[in-house]
PDB file of N, CA and C in Angstrom:
ATOM      1  N   MET A   1      14.211 -75.729  18.474  1.00  0.00           N
ATOM      2  CA  MET A   1      13.850 -74.461  19.127  1.00  0.00           C
ATOM      3  C   MET A   1      11.983 -74.501  19.245  1.00  0.00           C
ATOM      4  N   PRO A   2      11.534 -74.422  20.406  1.00  0.00           N
ATOM      5  CA  PRO A   2      10.131 -74.576  20.403  1.00  0.00           C
ATOM      6  C   PRO A   2       9.364 -73.272  19.530  1.00  0.00           C
ATOM      7  N   SER A   3       8.353 -73.725  19.022  1.00  0.00           N
ATOM      8  CA  SER A   3       7.348 -72.760  18.296  1.00  0.00           C
ATOM      9  C   SER A   3       6.616 -71.809  19.209  1.00  0.00           C
ATOM     10  N   PRO A   4       6.684 -70.572  18.889  1.00  0.00           N
ATOM     11  CA  PRO A   4       5.988 -69.540  19.612  1.00  0.00           C
ATOM     12  C   PRO A   4       4.654 -69.840  19.981  1.00  0.00           C
ATOM     13  N   ALA A   5       4.299 -69.297  21.008  1.00  0.00           N
ATOM     14  CA  ALA A   5       2.729 -70.169  21.483  1.00  0.00           C
ATOM     15  C   ALA A   5       1.650 -69.219  20.486  1.00  0.00           C
ATOM     16  N   LYS A   6       0.695 -69.919  20.324  1.00  0.00           N
ATOM     17  CA  LYS A   6      -0.575 -69.572  19.710  1.00  0.00           C
ATOM     18  C   LYS A   6      -1.465 -68.748  20.053  1.00  0.00           C
ATOM     19  N   LYS A   7      -1.750 -68.084  19.268  1.00  0.00           N
ATOM     20  CA  LYS A   7      -2.949 -66.912  19.907  1.00  0.00           C
ATOM     21  C   LYS A   7      -3.976 -67.188  19.990  1.00  0.00           C
ATOM     22  N   ALA A   8      -4.579 -66.983  21.266  1.00  0.00           N
ATOM     23  CA  ALA A   8      -5.952 -67.372  21.312  1.00  0.00           C
ATOM     24  C   ALA A   8      -6.726 -66.087  21.378  1.00  0.00           C
ATOM     25  N   PHE A   9      -8.000 -66.571  20.960  1.00  0.00           N
ATOM     26  CA  PHE A   9      -9.226 -64.992  21.118  1.00  0.00           C
ATOM     27  C   PHE A   9     -10.501 -66.079  20.784  1.00  0.00           C
ATOM     28  N   PRO A  10     -11.639 -65.267  21.358  1.00  0.00           N
ATOM     29  CA  PRO A  10     -12.825 -66.214  21.262  1.00  0.00           C
ATOM     30  C   PRO A  10     -13.383 -65.786  19.900  1.00  0.00           C
ATOM     31  N   LEU A  11     -13.814 -66.824  19.387  1.00  0.00           N
ATOM     32  CA  LEU A  11     -14.590 -66.442  18.059  1.00  0.00           C
ATOM     33  C   LEU A  11     -16.153 -67.106  18.152  1.00  0.00           C
ATOM     34  N   ARG A  12     -17.339 -66.279  17.725  1.00  0.00           N
ATOM     35  CA  ARG A  12     -18.458 -66.602  17.918  1.00  0.00           C
ATOM     36  C   ARG A  12     -18.884 -66.695  16.309  1.00  0.00           C
ATOM     37  N   LEU A  13     -19.424 -68.071  16.330  1.00  0.00           N
ATOM     38  CA  LEU A  13     -19.909 -68.586  14.998  1.00  0.00           C
ATOM     39  C   LEU A  13     -21.480 -68.829  15.025  1.00  0.00           C
ATOM     40  N   ASP A  14     -22.140 -68.897  13.437  1.00  0.00           N
ATOM     41  CA  ASP A  14     -23.113 -68.999  13.737  1.00  0.00           C
ATOM     42  C   ASP A  14     -23.163 -70.744  13.995  1.00  0.00           C
ATOM     43  N   PRO A  15     -24.050 -70.854  14.708  1.00  0.00           N
ATOM     44  CA  PRO A  15     -24.250 -72.605  14.713  1.00  0.00           C
ATOM     45  C   PRO A  15     -24.087 -73.611  13.830  1.00  0.00           C
ATOM     46  N   GLU A  16     -24.971 -73.029  12.491  1.00  0.00           N
ATOM     47  CA  GLU A  16     -24.661 -73.829  11.198  1.00  0.00           C
ATOM     48  C   GLU A  16     -23.344 -73.612  10.485  1.00  0.00           C
ATOM     49  N   LEU A  17     -22.809 -72.615  10.601  1.00  0.00           N
ATOM     50  CA  LEU A  17     -21.505 -72.716  10.034  1.00  0.00           C
ATOM     51  C   LEU A  17     -20.422 -73.671  11.276  1.00  0.00           C
ATOM     52  N   HIS A  18     -21.033 -73.732  12.504  1.00  0.00           N
ATOM     53  CA  HIS A  18     -20.065 -74.523  13.441  1.00  0.00           C
ATOM     54  C   HIS A  18     -20.460 -75.994  13.001  1.00  0.00           C
ATOM     55  N   ALA A  19     -21.654 -76.226  13.097  1.00  0.00           N
ATOM     56  CA  ALA A  19     -22.021 -77.626  12.368  1.00  0.00           C
ATOM     57  C   ALA A  19     -21.339 -77.849  11.173  1.00  0.00           C
ATOM     58  N   ALA A  20     -21.324 -76.985   9.952  1.00  0.00           N
ATOM     59  CA  ALA A  20     -20.111 -77.707   8.691  1.00  0.00           C
ATOM     60  C   ALA A  20     -18.948 -77.496   9.230  1.00  0.00           C
ATOM     61  N   LEU A  21     -18.391 -76.734   9.894  1.00  0.00           N
ATOM     62  CA  LEU A  21     -16.968 -76.906  10.435  1.00  0.00           C
ATOM     63  C   LEU A  21     -16.426 -78.275  11.159  1.00  0.00           C
ATOM     64  N   GLU A  22     -17.401 -78.717  12.027  1.00  0.00           N
ATOM     65  CA  GLU A  22     -17.324 -79.855  12.775  1.00  0.00           C
ATOM     66  C   GLU A  22     -17.247 -81.143  11.581  1.00  0.00           C
ATOM     67  N   ARG A  23     -18.115 -80.937  10.705  1.00  0.00           N
ATOM     68  CA  ARG A  23     -18.313 -82.035  10.028  1.00  0.00           C
ATOM     69  C   ARG A  23     -16.885 -82.432   8.665  1.00  0.00           C
ATOM     70  N   ALA A  24     -16.707 -80.927   8.227  1.00  0.00           N
ATOM     71  CA  ALA A  24     -15.406 -80.711   7.437  1.00  0.00           C
ATOM     72  C   ALA A  24     -14.092 -81.402   8.245  1.00  0.00           C
ATOM     73  N   ALA A  25     -13.725 -80.924   9.523  1.00  0.00           N
ATOM     74  CA  ALA A  25     -13.038 -81.409  10.249  1.00  0.00           C
ATOM     75  C   ALA A  25     -12.955 -82.738  10.535  1.00  0.00           C
ATOM     76  N   ALA A  26     -14.094 -83.629  11.025  1.00  0.00           N
ATOM     77  CA  ALA A  26     -14.142 -84.851  11.073  1.00  0.00           C
ATOM     78  C   ALA A  26     -13.735 -85.530   9.692  1.00  0.00           C
ATOM     79  N   GLY A  27     -14.221 -85.252   8.914  1.00  0.00           N
ATOM     80  CA  GLY A  27     -13.872 -85.517   7.475  1.00  0.00           C
ATOM     81  C   GLY A  27     -12.236 -85.650   7.033  1.00  0.00           C
ATOM     82  N   ASP A  28     -11.719 -84.782   7.534  1.00  0.00           N
ATOM     83  CA  ASP A  28     -10.245 -84.520   7.314  1.00  0.00           C
ATOM     84  C   ASP A  28      -9.429 -85.132   8.568  1.00  0.00           C
ATOM     85  N   LEU A  29      -9.939 -85.491   9.600  1.00  0.00           N
ATOM     86  CA  LEU A  29      -9.350 -86.237  10.769  1.00  0.00           C
ATOM     87  C   LEU A  29      -8.591 -84.954  11.504  1.00  0.00           C
ATOM     88  N   ARG A  30      -9.065 -83.641  11.716  1.00  0.00           N
ATOM     89  CA  ARG A  30      -8.318 -82.248  12.363  1.00  0.00           C
ATOM     90  C   ARG A  30      -9.650 -82.108  13.371  1.00  0.00           C
ATOM     91  N   SER A  31      -8.838 -81.478  14.115  1.00  0.00           N
ATOM     92  CA  SER A  31      -9.672 -80.551  15.123  1.00  0.00           C
ATOM     93  C   SER A  31     -10.612 -79.273  14.569  1.00  0.00           C
ATOM     94  N   ILE A  32     -11.445 -78.831  15.057  1.00  0.00           N
ATOM     95  CA  ILE A  32     -11.881 -77.569  14.444  1.00  0.00           C
ATOM     96  C   ILE A  32     -11.356 -76.425  14.437  1.00  0.00           C
ATOM     97  N   ASN A  33     -10.284 -76.377  15.418  1.00  0.00           N
ATOM     98  CA  ASN A  33      -9.576 -75.131  15.355  1.00  0.00           C
ATOM     99  C   ASN A  33      -8.243 -75.393  14.213  1.00  0.00           C
ATOM    100  N   ALA A  34      -8.132 -76.801  13.885  1.00  0.00           N
ATOM    101  CA  ALA A  34      -7.112 -77.038  13.033  1.00  0.00           C
ATOM    102  C   ALA A  34      -7.763 -76.987  11.538  1.00  0.00           C
ATOM    103  N   GLU A  35      -8.860 -77.169  11.476  1.00  0.00           N
ATOM    104  CA  GLU A  35      -9.574 -76.880  10.312  1.00  0.00           C
ATOM    105  C   GLU A  35      -9.821 -75.507   9.651  1.00  0.00           C
ATOM    106  N   ILE A  36     -10.034 -74.526  10.690  1.00  0.00           N
ATOM    107  CA  ILE A  36     -10.379 -73.284  10.882  1.00  0.00           C
ATOM    108  C   ILE A  36      -8.925 -72.779  10.463  1.00  0.00           C
ATOM    109  N   GLU A  37      -7.793 -73.413  10.817  1.00  0.00           N
ATOM    110  CA  GLU A  37      -6.346 -72.859  10.572  1.00  0.00           C
ATOM    111  C   GLU A  37      -6.068 -72.815   9.070  1.00  0.00           C
ATOM    112  N   VAL A  38      -6.664 -74.098   8.427  1.00  0.00           N
ATOM    113  CA  VAL A  38      -6.266 -74.682   7.153  1.00  0.00           C
ATOM    114  C   VAL A  38      -6.976 -73.835   6.256  1.00  0.00           C
ATOM    115  N   LEU A  39      -8.352 -73.639   6.528  1.00  0.00           N
ATOM    116  CA  LEU A  39      -9.372 -72.764   5.773  1.00  0.00           C
ATOM    117  C   LEU A  39      -8.941 -71.416   5.531  1.00  0.00           C
ATOM    118  N   LEU A  40      -8.519 -70.673   6.768  1.00  0.00           N
ATOM    119  CA  LEU A  40      -7.828 -69.416   6.948  1.00  0.00           C
ATOM    120  C   LEU A  40      -6.832 -69.148   5.735  1.00  0.00           C
ATOM    121  N   ARG A  41      -5.587 -70.028   6.172  1.00  0.00           N
ATOM    122  CA  ARG A  41      -4.314 -70.413   4.944  1.00  0.00           C
ATOM    123  C   ARG A  41      -4.779 -70.180   3.761  1.00  0.00           C
ATOM    124  N   GLU A  42      -5.690 -71.107   3.370  1.00  0.00           N
ATOM    125  CA  GLU A  42      -6.098 -71.498   1.937  1.00  0.00           C
ATOM    126  C   GLU A  42      -6.635 -70.049   1.372  1.00  0.00           C
ATOM    127  N   ALA A  43      -7.719 -69.331   2.139  1.00  0.00           N
ATOM    128  CA  ALA A  43      -8.413 -67.925   1.861  1.00  0.00           C
ATOM    129  C   ALA A  43      -7.256 -67.079   1.595  1.00  0.00           C
ATOM    130  N   LEU A  44      -6.280 -67.026   2.455  1.00  0.00           N
ATOM    131  CA  LEU A  44      -5.100 -65.704   2.402  1.00  0.00           C
ATOM    132  C   LEU A  44      -4.867 -65.999   1.399  1.00  0.00           C
ATOM    133  N   ALA A  45      -3.947 -67.483   1.127  1.00  0.00           N
ATOM    134  CA  ALA A  45      -3.221 -67.463   0.033  1.00  0.00           C
ATOM    135  C   ALA A  45      -4.148 -67.292  -1.654  1.00  0.00           C
ATOM    136  N   ARG A  46      -5.132 -67.334  -1.529  1.00  0.00           N
ATOM    137  CA  ARG A  46      -6.128 -67.129  -2.787  1.00  0.00           C
ATOM    138  C   ARG A  46      -6.049 -65.585  -3.223  1.00  0.00           C
ATOM    139  N   ARG A  47      -5.604 -64.756  -2.039  1.00  0.00           N
ATOM    140  CA  ARG A  47      -5.900 -63.522  -2.001  1.00  0.00           C
ATOM    141  C   ARG A  47      -4.704 -63.160  -2.058  1.00  0.00           C
ATOM    142  N   GLY A  48      -3.027 -64.136  -2.221  1.00  0.00           N
ATOM    143  CA  GLY A  48      -2.043 -63.533  -2.401  1.00  0.00           C
ATOM    144  C   GLY A  48      -1.180 -62.876  -1.290  1.00  0.00           C
ATOM    145  N   VAL A  49      -1.763 -63.470   0.208  1.00  0.00           N
ATOM    146  CA  VAL A  49      -1.061 -63.204   1.243  1.00  0.00           C
ATOM    147  C   VAL A  49      -0.307 -64.069   1.538  1.00  0.00           C
ATOM    148  N   LYS A  50       1.168 -64.045   2.013  1.00  0.00           N
ATOM    149  CA  LYS A  50       1.895 -65.134   2.218  1.00  0.00           C
ATOM    150  C   LYS A  50       1.853 -65.306   3.715  1.00  0.00           C
ATOM    151  N   VAL A  51       1.520 -66.142   4.442  1.00  0.00           N
ATOM    152  CA  VAL A  51       1.926 -66.602   5.685  1.00  0.00           C
ATOM    153  C   VAL A  51       2.775 -67.994   5.996  1.00  0.00           C
ATOM    154  N   PRO A  52       3.918 -67.111   6.915  1.00  0.00           N
ATOM    155  CA  PRO A  52       4.940 -68.354   6.918  1.00  0.00           C
ATOM    156  C   PRO A  52       4.273 -69.730   7.502  1.00  0.00           C
ATOM    157  N   VAL A  53       4.624 -71.033   7.473  1.00  0.00           N
ATOM    158  CA  VAL A  53       4.172 -72.231   8.144  1.00  0.00           C
ATOM    159  C   VAL A  53       4.950 -72.006   9.153  1.00  0.00           C
ATOM    160  N   SER A  54       4.724 -72.534  10.292  1.00  0.00           N
ATOM    161  CA  SER A  54       4.893 -72.743  11.838  1.00  0.00           C
ATOM    162  C   SER A  54       5.572 -74.412  11.746  1.00  0.00           C
ATOM    163  N   PRO A  55       6.677 -74.570  12.289  1.00  0.00           N
ATOM    164  CA  PRO A  55       7.053 -75.585  12.467  1.00  0.00           C
ATOM    165  C   PRO A  55       6.059 -76.905  13.166  1.00  0.00           C
ATOM    166  N   PRO A  56       5.892 -78.046  12.350  1.00  0.00           N
ATOM    167  CA  PRO A  56       5.036 -79.008  13.550  1.00  0.00           C
ATOM    168  C   PRO A  56       5.500 -78.998  14.611  1.00  0.00           C
ATOM    169  N   PRO A  57       4.238 -79.212  15.785  1.00  0.00           N
ATOM    170  CA  PRO A  57       4.866 -79.608  17.206  1.00  0.00           C
ATOM    171  C   PRO A  57       5.504 -80.810  17.391  1.00  0.00           C
ATOM    172  N   GLN A  58       6.599 -80.989  17.993  1.00  0.00           N
ATOM    173  CA  GLN A  58       7.341 -82.229  18.267  1.00  0.00           C
ATOM    174  C   GLN A  58       6.216 -83.182  19.185  1.00  0.00           C
ATOM    175  N   ARG A  59       6.371 -84.425  18.931  1.00  0.00           N
ATOM    176  CA  ARG A  59       4.817 -85.471  19.324  1.00  0.00           C
ATOM    177  C   ARG A  59       6.361 -86.135  19.956  1.00  0.00           C
ATOM    178  N   GLY A  60       5.801 -87.039  20.952  1.00  0.00           N
ATOM    179  CA  GLY A  60       6.624 -88.486  21.265  1.00  0.00           C
ATOM    180  C   GLY A  60       7.619 -87.782  22.624  1.00  0.00           C
ATOM    181  N   ARG A  61       8.152 -89.016  22.781  1.00  0.00           N
ATOM    182  CA  ARG A  61       9.124 -88.725  24.083  1.00  0.00           C
ATOM    183  C   ARG A  61      10.128 -88.338  23.560  1.00  0.00           C
ATOM    184  N   PRO A  62      10.846 -87.396  24.228  1.00  0.00           N
ATOM    185  CA  PRO A  62      12.747 -86.794  23.955  1.00  0.00           C
ATOM    186  C   PRO A  62      13.533 -87.594  23.856  1.00  0.00           C
ATOM    187  N   PRO A  63      14.510 -87.801  23.186  1.00  0.00           N
ATOM    188  CA  PRO A  63      15.314 -89.068  23.342  1.00  0.00           C
ATOM    189  C   PRO A  63      15.772 -89.149  24.267  1.00  0.00           C
ATOM    190  N   ALA A  64      16.424 -90.239  24.525  1.00  0.00           N
ATOM    191  CA  ALA A  64      17.127 -90.535  25.918  1.00  0.00           C
ATOM    192  C   ALA A  64      18.438 -90.138  25.889  1.00  0.00           C
ATOM    193  N   ALA A  65      18.870 -90.010  26.939  1.00  0.00           N
ATOM    194  CA  ALA A  65      20.425 -89.482  26.948  1.00  0.00           C
ATOM    195  C   ALA A  65      21.439 -90.360  26.862  1.00  0.00           C
ATOM    196  N   SER A  66      22.313 -89.991  25.806  1.00  0.00           N
ATOM    197  CA  SER A  66      23.308 -91.279  25.561  1.00  0.00           C
ATOM    198  C   SER A  66      23.944 -91.472  26.989  1.00  0.00           C
ATOM    199  N   THR A  67      23.900 -93.042  27.039  1.00  0.00           N
ATOM    200  CA  THR A  67      24.969 -93.426  28.143  1.00  0.00           C
ATOM    201  C   THR A  67      25.972 -94.399  27.824  1.00  0.00           C
ATOM    202  N   PRO A  68      26.992 -94.862  28.261  1.00  0.00           N
ATOM    203  CA  PRO A  68      27.733 -95.704  27.856  1.00  0.00           C
ATOM    204  C   PRO A  68      27.027 -97.100  27.860  1.00  0.00           C
ATOM    205  N   GLN A  69      27.684 -97.954  26.719  1.00  0.00           N
ATOM    206  CA  GLN A  69      26.995 -99.209  26.794  1.00  0.00           C
ATOM    207  C   GLN A  69      27.697-100.114  27.721  1.00  0.00           C
ATOM    208  N   HIS A  70      27.272-101.751  28.045  1.00  0.00           N
ATOM    209  CA  HIS A  70      28.538-102.133  28.698  1.00  0.00           C
ATOM    210  C   HIS A  70      29.277-103.034  27.553  1.00  0.00           C
ATOM    211  N   GLY A  71      30.698-103.027  27.835  1.00  0.00           N
ATOM    212  CA  GLY A  71      31.560-103.569  27.536  1.00  0.00           C
ATOM    213  C   GLY A  71      32.308-102.648  26.442  1.00  0.00           C
ATOM    214  N   SER A  72      31.884-101.492  26.408  1.00  0.00           N
ATOM    215  CA  SER A  72      32.364-100.594  25.791  1.00  0.00           C
ATOM    216  C   SER A  72      33.075 -99.479  26.379  1.00  0.00           C
ATOM    217  N   GLU A  73      33.292 -99.796  27.673  1.00  0.00           N
ATOM    218  CA  GLU A  73      33.893 -99.058  28.580  1.00  0.00           C
ATOM    219  C   GLU A  73      35.542 -99.145  28.381  1.00  0.00           C
ATOM    220  N   GLU A  74      36.241 -98.128  28.422  1.00  0.00           N
ATOM    221  CA  GLU A  74      37.739 -98.493  28.269  1.00  0.00           C
ATOM    222  C   GLU A  74      38.325 -98.910  29.937  1.00  0.00           C
ATOM    223  N   THR A  75      38.893 -99.732  30.067  1.00  0.00           N
ATOM    224  CA  THR A  75      39.415 -99.876  31.439  1.00  0.00           C
ATOM    225  C   THR A  75      40.619 -99.563  31.676  1.00  0.00           C
TER     226      THR A  75
END
């Protein structure tokens, strides 16, 4: 089942805060968006707010359709 689309909205940040997020994200090998999501989830968890975790996006190619192998067909 595909995950629901993410909600997009504009976010205005102080340039110094953005730079700090950029450094933190790079250190964790994440995008700035993913870093903000992690930080928000951590902050909400500290406040006792439970947020369900979305399944990660599927990566790579879809599995190939199964086709009969040569020699395995009955004649």
